Protein backbone atom coordinates (compact mmCIF):
# COMPACT_ATOMS: atom_id res chain seq x y z
CA MET A 1 64.45 -86.79 -40.53
CA GLN A 2 63.24 -90.36 -40.60
CA LEU A 3 62.35 -91.63 -37.14
CA THR A 4 63.86 -95.00 -36.29
CA GLY A 5 63.47 -97.60 -33.59
CA LEU A 6 59.73 -98.08 -34.09
CA ALA A 7 59.46 -100.72 -36.81
CA GLY A 8 58.91 -104.17 -35.38
CA LYS A 9 58.17 -102.87 -31.88
CA LEU A 10 54.98 -103.67 -30.00
CA ALA A 11 53.21 -100.57 -28.67
CA PHE A 12 50.47 -100.51 -26.03
CA VAL A 13 48.10 -97.53 -26.38
CA THR A 14 45.27 -96.53 -24.06
CA GLY A 15 42.48 -94.20 -25.16
CA ALA A 16 43.08 -95.45 -28.71
CA GLY A 17 39.54 -94.71 -29.87
CA GLY A 18 39.72 -90.97 -29.21
CA GLY A 19 41.11 -88.23 -31.42
CA ILE A 20 44.69 -88.16 -30.13
CA GLY A 21 44.80 -91.88 -29.36
CA ARG A 22 43.62 -92.79 -32.83
CA ALA A 23 46.23 -90.48 -34.38
CA VAL A 24 48.95 -92.11 -32.25
CA VAL A 25 47.85 -95.53 -33.50
CA ASP A 26 47.91 -94.25 -37.10
CA VAL A 27 51.44 -92.88 -36.85
CA LEU A 28 52.77 -95.95 -35.06
CA LEU A 29 51.34 -98.29 -37.67
CA CYS A 30 52.73 -96.13 -40.48
CA SER A 31 56.11 -96.31 -38.74
CA GLY A 32 56.07 -100.11 -38.83
CA ALA A 33 55.08 -100.80 -35.23
CA THR A 34 52.53 -103.36 -34.09
CA VAL A 35 49.87 -101.89 -31.81
CA VAL A 36 47.67 -103.13 -28.99
CA ALA A 37 44.95 -100.48 -29.09
CA THR A 38 42.79 -100.26 -25.97
CA ASP A 39 39.79 -98.20 -24.95
CA PHE A 40 36.78 -98.30 -22.67
CA SER A 41 34.39 -99.96 -25.16
CA GLU A 42 34.31 -101.81 -28.46
CA ASP A 43 32.34 -98.94 -29.98
CA LEU A 44 35.22 -96.55 -29.31
CA LEU A 45 37.62 -98.93 -31.02
CA SER A 46 35.41 -99.52 -34.06
CA GLY A 47 36.97 -96.62 -35.94
CA LEU A 48 40.25 -98.53 -36.12
CA GLN A 49 38.84 -101.36 -38.25
CA HIS A 50 40.35 -99.97 -41.47
CA HIS A 51 43.88 -100.65 -40.26
CA PRO A 52 45.89 -103.76 -41.22
CA GLN A 53 44.63 -106.37 -38.80
CA ASP A 54 47.89 -108.31 -38.75
CA ARG A 55 49.57 -105.46 -36.84
CA LEU A 56 46.63 -104.09 -34.89
CA PHE A 57 45.09 -105.81 -31.88
CA ARG A 58 42.05 -104.18 -30.29
CA ARG A 59 41.27 -104.77 -26.64
CA VAL A 60 38.52 -103.34 -24.44
CA LEU A 61 40.09 -101.99 -21.26
CA ASP A 62 38.96 -99.84 -18.34
CA VAL A 63 42.19 -98.29 -17.05
CA ARG A 64 40.54 -97.64 -13.68
CA ASP A 65 40.65 -101.41 -13.05
CA SER A 66 44.21 -102.41 -12.14
CA ALA A 67 43.44 -106.15 -12.35
CA ALA A 68 42.07 -105.71 -15.87
CA VAL A 69 45.14 -103.70 -16.87
CA ASN A 70 47.45 -106.41 -15.55
CA SER A 71 45.45 -109.09 -17.35
CA VAL A 72 45.44 -107.37 -20.75
CA ILE A 73 49.15 -106.60 -20.59
CA GLU A 74 49.95 -110.17 -19.54
CA GLU A 75 47.83 -111.51 -22.40
CA ALA A 76 49.58 -109.23 -24.89
CA GLU A 77 53.01 -110.25 -23.62
CA ASN A 78 52.16 -113.95 -23.83
CA THR A 79 50.35 -114.02 -27.18
CA ILE A 80 51.61 -111.07 -29.25
CA GLY A 81 55.10 -110.25 -28.08
CA PRO A 82 57.16 -108.15 -25.67
CA ILE A 83 55.79 -104.64 -25.26
CA GLY A 84 58.49 -102.09 -26.01
CA LEU A 85 56.43 -98.90 -26.14
CA GLY A 86 53.67 -97.68 -23.82
CA ILE A 87 51.48 -94.65 -24.44
CA ASN A 88 48.94 -93.34 -21.90
CA VAL A 89 46.29 -91.36 -23.77
CA ALA A 90 43.06 -92.30 -21.96
CA GLY A 91 41.53 -89.30 -20.25
CA ILE A 92 38.27 -87.59 -19.38
CA LEU A 93 37.32 -83.95 -18.87
CA SER A 94 35.41 -82.12 -16.16
CA THR A 95 34.39 -78.48 -16.61
CA THR A 96 32.63 -77.65 -13.35
CA THR A 97 33.85 -75.12 -10.82
CA VAL A 98 35.19 -76.49 -7.56
CA THR A 99 32.04 -75.64 -5.62
CA GLU A 100 29.92 -77.42 -8.25
CA THR A 101 32.11 -80.54 -8.42
CA ASP A 102 30.71 -83.47 -6.48
CA ASP A 103 32.80 -86.20 -4.90
CA ALA A 104 31.93 -88.80 -7.53
CA THR A 105 33.05 -86.55 -10.40
CA TRP A 106 36.32 -85.67 -8.69
CA ARG A 107 37.11 -89.30 -7.96
CA ASN A 108 36.22 -90.49 -11.46
CA VAL A 109 38.41 -87.87 -13.15
CA PHE A 110 41.34 -88.95 -10.99
CA ALA A 111 40.48 -92.63 -11.47
CA VAL A 112 40.91 -92.31 -15.24
CA ASN A 113 43.48 -89.54 -15.64
CA THR A 114 45.78 -90.38 -12.74
CA ASP A 115 45.04 -93.89 -11.44
CA GLY A 116 44.83 -95.16 -15.02
CA VAL A 117 48.29 -93.81 -15.82
CA PHE A 118 49.60 -95.40 -12.62
CA HIS A 119 48.00 -98.79 -13.34
CA VAL A 120 49.23 -98.99 -16.94
CA SER A 121 52.68 -97.55 -16.32
CA ARG A 122 53.31 -99.80 -13.32
CA ALA A 123 52.28 -102.92 -15.24
CA LEU A 124 54.43 -101.97 -18.24
CA ALA A 125 57.40 -101.07 -16.05
CA ARG A 126 57.22 -104.51 -14.45
CA VAL A 127 57.57 -106.29 -17.80
CA MET A 128 60.14 -103.84 -19.19
CA LEU A 129 62.48 -103.90 -16.20
CA PRO A 130 63.87 -107.42 -16.71
CA ARG A 131 64.58 -106.55 -20.36
CA ARG A 132 66.20 -103.22 -19.40
CA SER A 133 64.48 -101.67 -22.38
CA GLY A 134 61.35 -99.68 -23.14
CA VAL A 135 59.81 -96.24 -23.56
CA LEU A 136 56.73 -94.77 -21.88
CA VAL A 137 54.91 -91.57 -22.88
CA THR A 138 52.01 -90.00 -20.99
CA VAL A 139 49.73 -87.59 -22.82
CA SER A 140 48.95 -84.98 -20.17
CA SER A 141 47.80 -81.39 -20.78
CA ASN A 142 49.12 -77.87 -20.63
CA ALA A 143 46.42 -77.43 -17.97
CA ALA A 144 48.74 -79.41 -15.69
CA GLY A 145 51.06 -76.42 -15.57
CA ILE A 146 48.74 -73.41 -15.58
CA PRO A 147 45.47 -72.74 -13.73
CA ARG A 148 42.32 -73.15 -15.80
CA HIS A 149 38.89 -71.79 -14.87
CA ALA A 150 36.31 -74.51 -14.11
CA MET A 151 38.84 -77.27 -14.77
CA ALA A 152 40.30 -77.91 -11.31
CA ALA A 153 39.68 -81.67 -11.28
CA TYR A 154 41.05 -82.14 -14.80
CA ALA A 155 44.08 -79.92 -14.27
CA ALA A 156 44.93 -81.44 -10.90
CA SER A 157 44.61 -84.99 -12.23
CA LYS A 158 46.86 -84.20 -15.19
CA ALA A 159 49.41 -82.50 -12.94
CA ALA A 160 49.50 -85.62 -10.78
CA ALA A 161 49.92 -87.86 -13.83
CA THR A 162 52.72 -85.62 -15.10
CA MET A 163 54.72 -85.74 -11.88
CA PHE A 164 54.08 -89.45 -11.48
CA THR A 165 55.54 -90.06 -14.95
CA ARG A 166 58.61 -87.96 -14.17
CA CYS A 167 59.19 -89.79 -10.89
CA LEU A 168 58.79 -93.12 -12.66
CA GLY A 169 61.31 -91.93 -15.22
CA LEU A 170 63.81 -91.25 -12.44
CA GLU A 171 63.36 -94.76 -11.09
CA LEU A 172 63.61 -96.45 -14.48
CA ALA A 173 66.42 -94.41 -16.05
CA PRO A 174 69.23 -96.56 -14.56
CA HIS A 175 67.59 -99.54 -16.30
CA GLY A 176 67.60 -97.90 -19.73
CA ILE A 177 63.87 -97.16 -19.76
CA ARG A 178 62.72 -93.65 -20.70
CA CYS A 179 59.56 -91.88 -19.50
CA ASN A 180 58.31 -88.60 -20.98
CA ILE A 181 55.21 -86.42 -21.13
CA VAL A 182 53.49 -84.64 -24.00
CA ALA A 183 51.30 -81.75 -22.84
CA PRO A 184 48.82 -80.70 -25.56
CA GLY A 185 46.96 -77.44 -25.58
CA SER A 186 43.64 -76.90 -27.35
CA THR A 187 43.39 -79.71 -29.91
CA LEU A 188 40.68 -80.33 -32.48
CA THR A 189 39.05 -83.34 -30.83
CA PRO A 190 35.53 -84.06 -29.55
CA MET A 191 36.75 -83.20 -26.04
CA GLN A 192 37.60 -79.70 -27.26
CA THR A 193 34.59 -79.10 -29.49
CA GLY A 194 32.27 -80.36 -26.75
CA MET A 195 33.14 -77.22 -24.77
CA TRP A 196 32.13 -74.84 -27.56
CA ALA A 197 28.80 -73.00 -27.40
CA ASP A 198 28.58 -72.30 -31.15
CA GLU A 199 30.43 -72.46 -34.47
CA ARG A 200 32.76 -69.65 -33.37
CA GLY A 201 34.33 -71.84 -30.70
CA ALA A 202 37.65 -72.29 -32.49
CA GLU A 203 37.90 -68.57 -33.25
CA ARG A 204 37.33 -67.67 -29.59
CA VAL A 205 39.85 -70.20 -28.27
CA ILE A 206 42.50 -68.96 -30.70
CA ALA A 207 41.84 -65.32 -29.79
CA GLY A 208 41.71 -66.01 -26.06
CA LEU A 209 39.00 -66.10 -23.42
CA PRO A 210 39.52 -63.16 -21.04
CA GLU A 211 36.43 -64.09 -19.01
CA GLN A 212 38.28 -67.31 -18.16
CA PHE A 213 41.66 -65.60 -17.73
CA LYS A 214 42.94 -67.63 -20.69
CA ILE A 215 45.25 -66.13 -23.29
CA GLY A 216 45.01 -67.12 -26.93
CA ILE A 217 47.26 -69.22 -29.15
CA PRO A 218 50.21 -67.28 -30.64
CA LEU A 219 50.41 -69.60 -33.65
CA LYS A 220 46.78 -68.68 -34.43
CA LYS A 221 45.59 -72.24 -34.91
CA LEU A 222 44.39 -75.24 -32.96
CA ALA A 223 46.54 -78.35 -32.81
CA THR A 224 45.41 -81.37 -34.77
CA PRO A 225 45.52 -84.84 -33.23
CA GLN A 226 48.31 -85.60 -35.70
CA ASP A 227 50.39 -82.72 -34.28
CA ILE A 228 50.22 -84.33 -30.85
CA ALA A 229 50.78 -87.84 -32.19
CA GLN A 230 53.94 -86.78 -34.03
CA ALA A 231 55.37 -85.39 -30.79
CA VAL A 232 54.50 -88.61 -28.96
CA VAL A 233 56.12 -90.80 -31.59
CA PHE A 234 59.23 -88.63 -31.67
CA LEU A 235 59.69 -89.24 -27.93
CA LEU A 236 59.24 -92.97 -28.54
CA SER A 237 61.87 -93.02 -31.29
CA ASP A 238 65.61 -93.57 -31.24
CA GLN A 239 66.04 -89.91 -32.10
CA ALA A 240 64.91 -89.11 -28.54
CA SER A 241 67.18 -91.72 -26.98
CA HIS A 242 68.76 -89.23 -24.54
CA ILE A 243 65.49 -87.60 -23.49
CA THR A 244 63.73 -88.69 -20.32
CA MET A 245 61.56 -87.04 -17.64
CA THR A 246 60.78 -84.25 -20.14
CA ASP A 247 57.42 -82.46 -20.25
CA LEU A 248 56.96 -81.36 -23.86
CA TYR A 249 54.34 -78.66 -24.39
CA VAL A 250 52.62 -78.83 -27.79
CA ASP A 251 50.20 -75.92 -27.55
CA GLY A 252 51.16 -73.31 -30.14
CA GLY A 253 52.73 -71.19 -27.40
CA ALA A 254 49.47 -70.83 -25.47
CA THR A 255 51.06 -71.23 -22.05
CA MET A 256 54.32 -69.50 -22.97
CA ARG A 257 56.41 -72.16 -21.30
CA ALA A 258 58.64 -74.95 -22.58
């Protein structure tokens, strides 16, 4: 099936320098979209330099800063074109237990993973509403729907971002704007590999971690960033035109829920 409705559209992507964000940019560009790729620093965006520069616009953006978000989106609307697609990928991880998590860590995880989604989605909704057209996708996590050991801040922030996106979808649906969530499981990115103690990390995640009360992956493999990106772009496409407020788990069956 050839996905349609992407060519010629302007997409706004946060966290574009990371594994999943970069894959989303790749698939969007291959589908004919123009992309405003944003991330926290120019260094993070440097890996996107090989793309066609006439359809890729890199912007440094801290999603924790609502004024900066508004400014970058306004600049894109005024100088590049109307934004038709918005993808929230920016996120950070915390792997401390609750008793070891200090206030600053908790607040920063929520500032990026939850406040950032709110800032970007609100700004994009404001420009999409008058046009009665647009699609938003938030990349959350399967940790938003199942308890994870030593990941309370991350899981809670992703759960909040998930429900926020669904509520936004309810508000925007009468205006023809769709909002959906993709919830990845263990994906082969630096965020994942950074949690591994040795070269057997992938093997242990696939088999399961009983000491963390975590079952394995029934499909017996980790997701690739491209697996997640393909799910995101499907939800952006015309082929998903009657799908909104959906939370799509892409985790190889690891959480055993849809």
